[in-house]
């Protein structure tokens, strides 16, 4: 599983804010924040969607 730092770093490297990432995934910015803060607490499907949105 990716770590908190890895998820946030990957998103930042892609040039995306949490708000922009949320828009890509059609979800809310607080959901992105929760996912990045505790990736072990989300489903594999949600984590996959997050990573696929990063390219």
PDB file of N, CA and C in Angstrom:
ATOM      1  N   UNK A   1       0.841  -1.187   0.000  1.00  0.00           N
ATOM      2  CA  UNK A   1       0.000   0.000   0.000  1.00  0.00           C
ATOM      3  C   UNK A   1       0.879   1.242   0.000  1.00  0.00           C
ATOM      4  N   UNK A   2       0.466   2.253  -0.756  1.00  0.00           N
ATOM      5  CA  UNK A   2       1.210   3.507  -0.723  1.00  0.00           C
ATOM      6  C   UNK A   2       1.088   4.154   0.655  1.00  0.00           C
ATOM      7  N   UNK A   3       2.066   4.928   0.985  1.00  0.00           N
ATOM      8  CA  UNK A   3       2.017   5.653   2.250  1.00  0.00           C
ATOM      9  C   UNK A   3       1.385   7.018   2.036  1.00  0.00           C
ATOM     10  N   UNK A   4       1.086   7.682   3.131  1.00  0.00           N
ATOM     11  CA  UNK A   4       0.508   9.030   3.080  1.00  0.00           C
ATOM     12  C   UNK A   4       1.393   9.946   2.249  1.00  0.00           C
ATOM     13  N   UNK A   5       2.667   9.941   2.539  1.00  0.00           N
ATOM     14  CA  UNK A   5       3.607  10.819   1.846  1.00  0.00           C
ATOM     15  C   UNK A   5       3.650  10.506   0.360  1.00  0.00           C
ATOM     16  N   UNK A   6       3.616   9.239   0.007  1.00  0.00           N
ATOM     17  CA  UNK A   6       3.681   8.862  -1.402  1.00  0.00           C
ATOM     18  C   UNK A   6       2.468   9.362  -2.178  1.00  0.00           C
ATOM     19  N   UNK A   7       1.286   9.207  -1.630  1.00  0.00           N
ATOM     20  CA  UNK A   7       0.087   9.647  -2.342  1.00  0.00           C
ATOM     21  C   UNK A   7       0.100  11.157  -2.558  1.00  0.00           C
ATOM     22  N   UNK A   8       0.370  11.893  -1.523  1.00  0.00           N
ATOM     23  CA  UNK A   8       0.387  13.356  -1.645  1.00  0.00           C
ATOM     24  C   UNK A   8       1.501  13.805  -2.592  1.00  0.00           C
ATOM     25  N   UNK A   9       2.646  13.152  -2.517  1.00  0.00           N
ATOM     26  CA  UNK A   9       3.761  13.514  -3.391  1.00  0.00           C
ATOM     27  C   UNK A   9       3.427  13.223  -4.850  1.00  0.00           C
ATOM     28  N   UNK A  10       2.838  12.071  -5.124  1.00  0.00           N
ATOM     29  CA  UNK A  10       2.466  11.737  -6.496  1.00  0.00           C
ATOM     30  C   UNK A  10       1.469  12.745  -7.062  1.00  0.00           C
ATOM     31  N   UNK A  11       0.500  13.122  -6.241  1.00  0.00           N
ATOM     32  CA  UNK A  11      -0.487  14.111  -6.687  1.00  0.00           C
ATOM     33  C   UNK A  11       0.185  15.449  -6.970  1.00  0.00           C
ATOM     34  N   UNK A  12       1.063  15.869  -6.074  1.00  0.00           N
ATOM     35  CA  UNK A  12       1.760  17.148  -6.253  1.00  0.00           C
ATOM     36  C   UNK A  12       2.658  17.115  -7.490  1.00  0.00           C
ATOM     37  N   UNK A  13       3.327  15.993  -7.714  1.00  0.00           N
ATOM     38  CA  UNK A  13       4.175  15.861  -8.900  1.00  0.00           C
ATOM     39  C   UNK A  13       3.359  15.940 -10.183  1.00  0.00           C
ATOM     40  N   UNK A  14       2.116  15.507 -10.111  1.00  0.00           N
ATOM     41  CA  UNK A  14       1.224  15.598 -11.271  1.00  0.00           C
ATOM     42  C   UNK A  14       0.683  17.019 -11.440  1.00  0.00           C
ATOM     43  N   UNK A  15       1.029  17.899 -10.497  1.00  0.00           N
ATOM     44  CA  UNK A  15       0.599  19.289 -10.585  1.00  0.00           C
ATOM     45  C   UNK A  15      -0.847  19.508 -10.177  1.00  0.00           C
ATOM     46  N   UNK A  16      -1.371  18.623  -9.342  1.00  0.00           N
ATOM     47  CA  UNK A  16      -2.776  18.701  -8.950  1.00  0.00           C
ATOM     48  C   UNK A  16      -2.924  19.068  -7.480  1.00  0.00           C
ATOM     49  N   UNK A  17      -3.906  19.896  -7.199  1.00  0.00           N
ATOM     50  CA  UNK A  17      -4.290  20.165  -5.821  1.00  0.00           C
ATOM     51  C   UNK A  17      -5.283  19.090  -5.394  1.00  0.00           C
ATOM     52  N   UNK A  18      -5.576  19.045  -4.116  1.00  0.00           N
ATOM     53  CA  UNK A  18      -6.600  18.101  -3.655  1.00  0.00           C
ATOM     54  C   UNK A  18      -7.939  18.417  -4.307  1.00  0.00           C
ATOM     55  N   UNK A  19      -8.250  19.671  -4.454  1.00  0.00           N
ATOM     56  CA  UNK A  19      -9.525  20.073  -5.076  1.00  0.00           C
ATOM     57  C   UNK A  19      -9.586  19.614  -6.532  1.00  0.00           C
ATOM     58  N   UNK A  20      -8.482  19.779  -7.270  1.00  0.00           N
ATOM     59  CA  UNK A  20      -8.449  19.345  -8.669  1.00  0.00           C
ATOM     60  C   UNK A  20      -8.553  17.826  -8.774  1.00  0.00           C
ATOM     61  N   UNK A  21      -7.884  17.132  -7.870  1.00  0.00           N
ATOM     62  CA  UNK A  21      -7.954  15.668  -7.859  1.00  0.00           C
ATOM     63  C   UNK A  21      -9.383  15.217  -7.579  1.00  0.00           C
ATOM     64  N   UNK A  22     -10.031  15.879  -6.636  1.00  0.00           N
ATOM     65  CA  UNK A  22     -11.423  15.554  -6.316  1.00  0.00           C
ATOM     66  C   UNK A  22     -12.313  15.751  -7.541  1.00  0.00           C
ATOM     67  N   UNK A  23     -12.076  16.810  -8.266  1.00  0.00           N
ATOM     68  CA  UNK A  23     -12.866  17.071  -9.462  1.00  0.00           C
ATOM     69  C   UNK A  23     -12.674  15.964 -10.501  1.00  0.00           C
ATOM     70  N   UNK A  24     -11.439  15.516 -10.695  1.00  0.00           N
ATOM     71  CA  UNK A  24     -11.174  14.422 -11.636  1.00  0.00           C
ATOM     72  C   UNK A  24     -11.912  13.154 -11.246  1.00  0.00           C
ATOM     73  N   UNK A  25     -11.998  12.906  -9.939  1.00  0.00           N
ATOM     74  CA  UNK A  25     -12.625  11.681  -9.448  1.00  0.00           C
ATOM     75  C   UNK A  25     -14.113  11.853  -9.141  1.00  0.00           C
ATOM     76  N   UNK A  26     -14.615  13.070  -9.380  1.00  0.00           N
ATOM     77  CA  UNK A  26     -16.023  13.376  -9.105  1.00  0.00           C
ATOM     78  C   UNK A  26     -16.375  13.064  -7.646  1.00  0.00           C
ATOM     79  N   UNK A  27     -15.546  13.581  -6.766  1.00  0.00           N
ATOM     80  CA  UNK A  27     -15.739  13.409  -5.336  1.00  0.00           C
ATOM     81  C   UNK A  27     -15.414  14.730  -4.647  1.00  0.00           C
ATOM     82  N   UNK A  28     -15.322  14.714  -3.344  1.00  0.00           N
ATOM     83  CA  UNK A  28     -15.055  15.948  -2.600  1.00  0.00           C
ATOM     84  C   UNK A  28     -13.591  16.051  -2.190  1.00  0.00           C
ATOM     85  N   UNK A  29     -13.154  17.269  -1.954  1.00  0.00           N
ATOM     86  CA  UNK A  29     -11.792  17.500  -1.474  1.00  0.00           C
ATOM     87  C   UNK A  29     -11.569  16.854  -0.108  1.00  0.00           C
ATOM     88  N   UNK A  30     -12.546  16.906   0.816  1.00  0.00           N
ATOM     89  CA  UNK A  30     -12.329  16.220   2.095  1.00  0.00           C
ATOM     90  C   UNK A  30     -12.103  14.708   1.931  1.00  0.00           C
ATOM     91  N   UNK A  31     -12.737  14.086   0.929  1.00  0.00           N
ATOM     92  CA  UNK A  31     -12.519  12.657   0.698  1.00  0.00           C
ATOM     93  C   UNK A  31     -11.070  12.408   0.282  1.00  0.00           C
ATOM     94  N   UNK A  32     -10.543  13.272  -0.588  1.00  0.00           N
ATOM     95  CA  UNK A  32      -9.141  13.154  -1.013  1.00  0.00           C
ATOM     96  C   UNK A  32      -8.229  13.313   0.194  1.00  0.00           C
ATOM     97  N   UNK A  33      -8.536  14.263   1.033  1.00  0.00           N
ATOM     98  CA  UNK A  33      -7.748  14.487   2.245  1.00  0.00           C
ATOM     99  C   UNK A  33      -7.754  13.241   3.131  1.00  0.00           C
ATOM    100  N   UNK A  34      -8.916  12.653   3.336  1.00  0.00           N
ATOM    101  CA  UNK A  34      -9.011  11.440   4.159  1.00  0.00           C
ATOM    102  C   UNK A  34      -8.233  10.283   3.540  1.00  0.00           C
ATOM    103  N   UNK A  35      -8.346  10.121   2.223  1.00  0.00           N
ATOM    104  CA  UNK A  35      -7.624   9.052   1.544  1.00  0.00           C
ATOM    105  C   UNK A  35      -6.128   9.232   1.711  1.00  0.00           C
ATOM    106  N   UNK A  36      -5.644  10.448   1.520  1.00  0.00           N
ATOM    107  CA  UNK A  36      -4.208  10.691   1.643  1.00  0.00           C
ATOM    108  C   UNK A  36      -3.734  10.553   3.089  1.00  0.00           C
ATOM    109  N   UNK A  37      -4.598  10.860   4.030  1.00  0.00           N
ATOM    110  CA  UNK A  37      -4.222  10.773   5.440  1.00  0.00           C
ATOM    111  C   UNK A  37      -4.212   9.332   5.944  1.00  0.00           C
ATOM    112  N   UNK A  38      -5.037   8.472   5.324  1.00  0.00           N
ATOM    113  CA  UNK A  38      -5.132   7.098   5.812  1.00  0.00           C
ATOM    114  C   UNK A  38      -5.477   6.155   4.656  1.00  0.00           C
ATOM    115  N   UNK A  39      -4.528   5.917   3.747  1.00  0.00           N
ATOM    116  CA  UNK A  39      -4.824   5.079   2.586  1.00  0.00           C
ATOM    117  C   UNK A  39      -5.210   3.645   2.937  1.00  0.00           C
ATOM    118  N   UNK A  40      -4.827   3.173   4.112  1.00  0.00           N
ATOM    119  CA  UNK A  40      -5.191   1.815   4.515  1.00  0.00           C
ATOM    120  C   UNK A  40      -6.680   1.672   4.829  1.00  0.00           C
ATOM    121  N   UNK A  41      -7.371   2.795   5.033  1.00  0.00           N
ATOM    122  CA  UNK A  41      -8.777   2.765   5.418  1.00  0.00           C
ATOM    123  C   UNK A  41      -9.728   2.808   4.217  1.00  0.00           C
ATOM    124  N   UNK A  42      -9.202   2.902   3.007  1.00  0.00           N
ATOM    125  CA  UNK A  42     -10.067   2.970   1.828  1.00  0.00           C
ATOM    126  C   UNK A  42     -10.005   1.656   1.060  1.00  0.00           C
ATOM    127  N   UNK A  43     -10.965   1.471   0.196  1.00  0.00           N
ATOM    128  CA  UNK A  43     -11.014   0.236  -0.586  1.00  0.00           C
ATOM    129  C   UNK A  43      -9.921   0.235  -1.653  1.00  0.00           C
ATOM    130  N   UNK A  44      -9.588  -0.946  -2.092  1.00  0.00           N
ATOM    131  CA  UNK A  44      -8.605  -1.080  -3.168  1.00  0.00           C
ATOM    132  C   UNK A  44      -9.134  -0.394  -4.427  1.00  0.00           C
ATOM    133  N   UNK A  45     -10.422  -0.517  -4.656  1.00  0.00           N
ATOM    134  CA  UNK A  45     -11.031   0.120  -5.835  1.00  0.00           C
ATOM    135  C   UNK A  45     -10.839   1.634  -5.794  1.00  0.00           C
ATOM    136  N   UNK A  46     -11.080   2.243  -4.634  1.00  0.00           N
ATOM    137  CA  UNK A  46     -10.909   3.690  -4.502  1.00  0.00           C
ATOM    138  C   UNK A  46      -9.457   4.090  -4.679  1.00  0.00           C
ATOM    139  N   UNK A  47      -8.562   3.322  -4.116  1.00  0.00           N
ATOM    140  CA  UNK A  47      -7.148   3.611  -4.254  1.00  0.00           C
ATOM    141  C   UNK A  47      -6.719   3.477  -5.715  1.00  0.00           C
ATOM    142  N   UNK A  48      -7.237   2.469  -6.399  1.00  0.00           N
ATOM    143  CA  UNK A  48      -6.927   2.289  -7.816  1.00  0.00           C
ATOM    144  C   UNK A  48      -7.430   3.481  -8.628  1.00  0.00           C
ATOM    145  N   UNK A  49      -8.646   3.932  -8.372  1.00  0.00           N
ATOM    146  CA  UNK A  49      -9.186   5.094  -9.088  1.00  0.00           C
ATOM    147  C   UNK A  49      -8.284   6.311  -8.883  1.00  0.00           C
ATOM    148  N   UNK A  50      -7.838   6.511  -7.658  1.00  0.00           N
ATOM    149  CA  UNK A  50      -6.959   7.634  -7.321  1.00  0.00           C
ATOM    150  C   UNK A  50      -5.673   7.552  -8.151  1.00  0.00           C
ATOM    151  N   UNK A  51      -5.041   6.373  -8.142  1.00  0.00           N
ATOM    152  CA  UNK A  51      -3.779   6.209  -8.854  1.00  0.00           C
ATOM    153  C   UNK A  51      -3.967   6.298 -10.359  1.00  0.00           C
ATOM    154  N   UNK A  52      -5.046   5.774 -10.876  1.00  0.00           N
ATOM    155  CA  UNK A  52      -5.312   5.869 -12.321  1.00  0.00           C
ATOM    156  C   UNK A  52      -5.522   7.305 -12.748  1.00  0.00           C
ATOM    157  N   UNK A  53      -6.122   8.116 -11.899  1.00  0.00           N
ATOM    158  CA  UNK A  53      -6.338   9.528 -12.235  1.00  0.00           C
ATOM    159  C   UNK A  53      -5.008  10.274 -12.357  1.00  0.00           C
ATOM    160  N   UNK A  54      -3.992   9.777 -11.674  1.00  0.00           N
ATOM    161  CA  UNK A  54      -2.678  10.401 -11.750  1.00  0.00           C
ATOM    162  C   UNK A  54      -1.944  10.048 -13.041  1.00  0.00           C
ATOM    163  N   UNK A  55      -2.432   9.030 -13.719  1.00  0.00           N
ATOM    164  CA  UNK A  55      -1.816   8.631 -14.984  1.00  0.00           C
ATOM    165  C   UNK A  55      -0.880   7.548 -14.785  1.00  0.00           C
TER     166      UNK A  55
END
